[in-house]
Amino acid sequence: MSSKSFFLMAAALFAVAAAAGASQPYAPVVSVQYNISESLPEQLMTLITTPLEQSFYKLERVVQVNSSTSHGSVEIEIQFDGGTSEQDLTRVIRQIEQLNFSDRIHVISRAVLLRPPRLIHDATHLQP
């Protein structure tokens, strides 16, 4: 076998292996994103992130909540047992609407959508 043939065969095998790894879909999550005028992460954790996380765990079938809080930004992902659906998205939106942050902070924008997860999952965010 020539080195050119070997290289092409190795490249083809690598492409097949990469495609197989990429084809394993992640279960979608409900993603909640806030852009906020306040920038201190500690303040955002107290005023936004923690209350949202606690309220999301009250929803049926929630198995995991992951969050990231940084300067002026909060991102939370909610994973549901049995997969996340449009109905779960609607329930999360209703839950958010019950919380009133406007008297404490200025929300610049909020997005709630169904998408593949981006945040790292670890055991520290599992429901107690």
Foldseek 3Di string as FASTA:
>chain_A
DDPVVVVVVVVVVVVVVVCVVVPPAAFKWKKKKWFFPAFDQVVCCVQPVVVLLVLLVVDPQWWFKDWDTGGRMIMITTAGPPGDDVVNLVVSVVSVVVDDSPVPTGIPDMDIDIDGDDDDDDPVGGDD
